[in-house]
Protein backbone atom coordinates (compact mmCIF):
# COMPACT_ATOMS: atom_id res chain seq x y z
CA MET A 1 -3.19 -21.76 -10.65
CA ALA A 2 -4.78 -19.94 -13.54
CA ARG A 3 -4.17 -16.29 -14.26
CA GLN A 4 -6.03 -13.95 -11.94
CA LYS A 5 -7.56 -10.52 -12.51
CA ASN A 6 -6.11 -7.71 -10.39
CA ALA A 7 -9.60 -6.89 -9.11
CA LYS A 8 -9.46 -10.11 -7.09
CA ARG A 9 -6.63 -8.61 -5.00
CA ARG A 10 -8.37 -6.66 -2.25
CA HIS A 11 -6.95 -3.66 -0.40
CA PHE A 12 -8.22 -2.42 2.96
CA VAL A 13 -7.26 0.45 5.27
CA ALA A 14 -8.02 0.99 8.95
CA PRO A 15 -7.32 3.78 11.41
CA TRP A 16 -4.02 3.56 13.28
CA THR A 17 -3.74 3.80 17.05
CA SER A 18 -0.52 1.88 17.65
CA ASP A 19 2.13 0.01 15.65
CA ASP A 20 1.53 -3.00 17.90
CA LYS A 21 -2.27 -3.11 18.05
CA LYS A 22 -3.91 -4.51 14.94
CA PRO A 23 -7.39 -3.24 14.19
CA ALA A 24 -10.42 -5.46 14.56
CA GLU A 25 -11.56 -7.10 11.34
CA GLU A 26 -14.66 -4.88 11.22
CA ASP A 27 -12.47 -1.73 11.36
CA TYR A 28 -10.94 -2.45 7.96
CA LEU A 29 -12.46 -0.43 5.11
CA PRO A 30 -12.24 -1.57 1.48
CA LEU A 31 -10.19 0.72 -0.75
CA ALA A 32 -12.09 -0.01 -3.93
CA LYS A 33 -14.94 2.36 -4.81
CA TRP A 34 -14.11 4.42 -7.92
CA ILE A 35 -10.50 3.12 -7.80
CA PRO A 36 -9.51 1.58 -11.18
CA THR A 37 -5.75 1.41 -10.46
CA ILE A 38 -3.73 0.14 -7.51
CA GLU A 39 -0.17 -0.77 -8.41
CA ASP A 40 2.85 -2.13 -6.61
CA ASP A 41 5.60 0.50 -6.78
CA SER A 42 8.00 -1.13 -4.33
CA ASP A 43 11.66 -0.14 -4.30
CA GLU A 44 14.69 -2.32 -3.73
CA ASP A 45 17.94 -0.84 -2.45
CA THR A 46 20.85 -2.75 -3.97
CA ASP A 47 24.60 -2.55 -4.38
CA ASP A 48 26.76 -4.20 -7.03
CA VAL A 49 29.88 -5.74 -5.51
CA GLY A 50 32.59 -8.16 -6.49
CA TYR A 51 34.48 -10.39 -4.09
CA TYR A 52 37.99 -11.85 -4.18
CA ASP A 53 36.57 -15.33 -3.69
CA GLY A 54 34.54 -14.88 -6.87
CA ASP A 55 35.60 -14.73 -10.50
CA GLY A 56 35.89 -10.94 -10.77
CA ASN A 57 32.32 -10.35 -11.85
CA THR A 58 29.92 -8.31 -9.77
CA GLU A 59 26.80 -9.58 -8.09
CA THR A 60 23.83 -7.59 -6.89
CA ILE A 61 23.28 -7.53 -3.13
CA LEU A 62 19.85 -6.67 -1.71
CA ASN A 63 20.21 -4.17 1.16
CA GLY A 64 16.52 -3.63 1.76
CA ARG A 65 13.07 -3.39 0.23
CA SER A 66 10.40 -0.72 0.70
CA GLU A 67 6.88 -1.83 -0.20
CA LYS A 68 4.67 0.92 -1.61
CA TRP A 69 1.27 0.78 -3.31
CA ASN A 70 0.09 3.63 -5.58
CA PHE A 71 -3.65 4.19 -5.97
CA GLU A 72 -5.66 6.47 -8.22
CA GLY A 73 -9.26 7.02 -9.07
CA THR A 74 -12.18 9.34 -8.50
CA TYR A 75 -12.70 11.04 -5.14
CA ASP A 76 -15.83 10.19 -3.17
CA PRO A 77 -15.87 11.95 0.22
CA ASP A 78 -18.71 9.66 1.36
CA ASP A 79 -16.55 6.54 0.94
CA LYS A 80 -15.13 5.75 4.40
CA ALA A 81 -11.75 4.46 3.16
CA GLN A 82 -11.26 7.50 0.94
CA ALA A 83 -12.37 9.83 3.75
CA LEU A 84 -9.82 8.26 6.12
CA ILE A 85 -6.99 8.88 3.64
CA ALA A 86 -8.23 12.29 2.46
CA GLY A 87 -8.42 13.46 6.07
CA MET A 88 -4.64 13.06 6.27
CA LYS A 89 -3.66 15.21 3.29
CA ARG A 90 -2.89 18.32 5.34
CA VAL A 91 -1.42 16.45 8.30
CA GLN A 92 2.28 17.19 8.67
CA THR A 93 3.36 14.56 11.19
CA ASP A 94 4.47 11.00 10.61
CA ASP A 95 2.07 9.52 13.16
CA GLY A 96 -0.77 11.55 11.68
CA ARG A 97 -0.25 9.83 8.32
CA LYS A 98 -0.17 6.27 9.70
CA LEU A 99 -2.88 3.73 9.01
CA TRP A 100 -3.14 -0.03 8.71
CA HIS A 101 -3.01 -1.45 5.18
CA LYS A 102 -4.14 -5.01 4.54
CA ILE A 103 -3.97 -6.80 1.21
CA ILE A 104 -5.64 -10.10 0.45
CA GLU A 105 -3.76 -11.45 -2.55
CA THR A 106 -5.47 -13.33 -5.37
CA ASP A 107 -4.20 -16.63 -3.91
CA GLY A 108 -5.66 -15.85 -0.46
CA GLU A 109 -2.37 -14.80 1.16
CA THR A 110 -2.83 -11.87 3.58
CA VAL A 111 -0.33 -9.01 3.83
CA GLU A 112 -0.84 -6.65 6.77
CA GLY A 113 1.07 -3.84 8.40
CA VAL A 114 1.33 -0.19 9.32
CA ALA A 115 1.75 2.19 6.39
CA LYS A 116 1.87 5.92 5.79
CA ALA A 117 -0.47 7.64 3.34
CA MET A 118 1.68 9.90 1.18
CA GLU A 119 1.25 12.40 -1.69
CA ILE A 120 -2.52 12.43 -1.14
CA LYS A 121 -4.66 14.18 -3.71
CA ALA A 122 -8.37 14.31 -2.92
CA GLY A 123 -10.24 16.74 -5.10
CA SER A 124 -8.31 18.19 -8.03
CA GLY A 125 -8.21 18.09 -11.80
CA ASP A 126 -9.77 19.70 -14.85
CA ALA A 127 -13.14 21.43 -14.49
CA THR A 128 -14.84 18.87 -16.74
CA ASP A 129 -13.38 15.86 -14.92
CA TYR A 130 -14.47 14.15 -11.74
CA GLU A 131 -12.32 14.96 -8.71
CA GLU A 132 -9.02 13.08 -8.55
CA PHE A 133 -8.15 10.74 -5.70
CA SER A 134 -4.58 9.42 -5.60
CA GLY A 135 -1.53 8.83 -3.46
CA HIS A 136 0.46 5.92 -2.15
CA LEU A 137 0.53 3.71 0.91
CA ASP A 138 4.09 3.00 2.10
CA TYR A 139 4.62 0.22 4.64
CA ILE A 140 6.86 1.53 7.41
CA ARG A 141 8.46 -1.91 7.84
CA ALA A 142 8.08 -5.29 6.21
CA PRO A 143 4.41 -6.27 6.53
CA GLU A 144 3.33 -9.52 8.14
CA VAL A 145 2.48 -12.19 5.56
CA THR A 146 0.01 -14.96 6.37
CA PRO A 147 -0.30 -17.79 3.84
CA SER A 148 -3.77 -18.71 2.63
CA ALA A 149 -5.51 -21.60 4.33
CA SER A 150 -5.15 -23.65 1.14
CA LYS A 151 -1.33 -23.45 1.14
């Protein structure tokens, strides 16, 4: 496969009602308008250990992985995806910050799961700048991955 532009990776959000009930396809809203940057900022929890059945060198053990996607751009309160996220910025409960986050990777693979919208900024910045829109979407558990039809 040839190199792919990041813009071909599509991000969507949908309102959350339950961890077990996926939204309908038409409920997903594209997180794209005025958003120039969405980056994977996942974190891996590791330990370095050495075992007596080894040669005395350490190896890195993966304890867990937290998938998080940072986004930033210009705030548009009329954009439905941005409005969904911005509406959570003053919410102080875990359930109130939940939404569904779906990613369609550049190879067609689909990643989907419940996430929390965190560190939301919707409307801030210098007087001469457009309003900022930023935050991150943190999956609450490993998302479901569906390979593309071509795989």
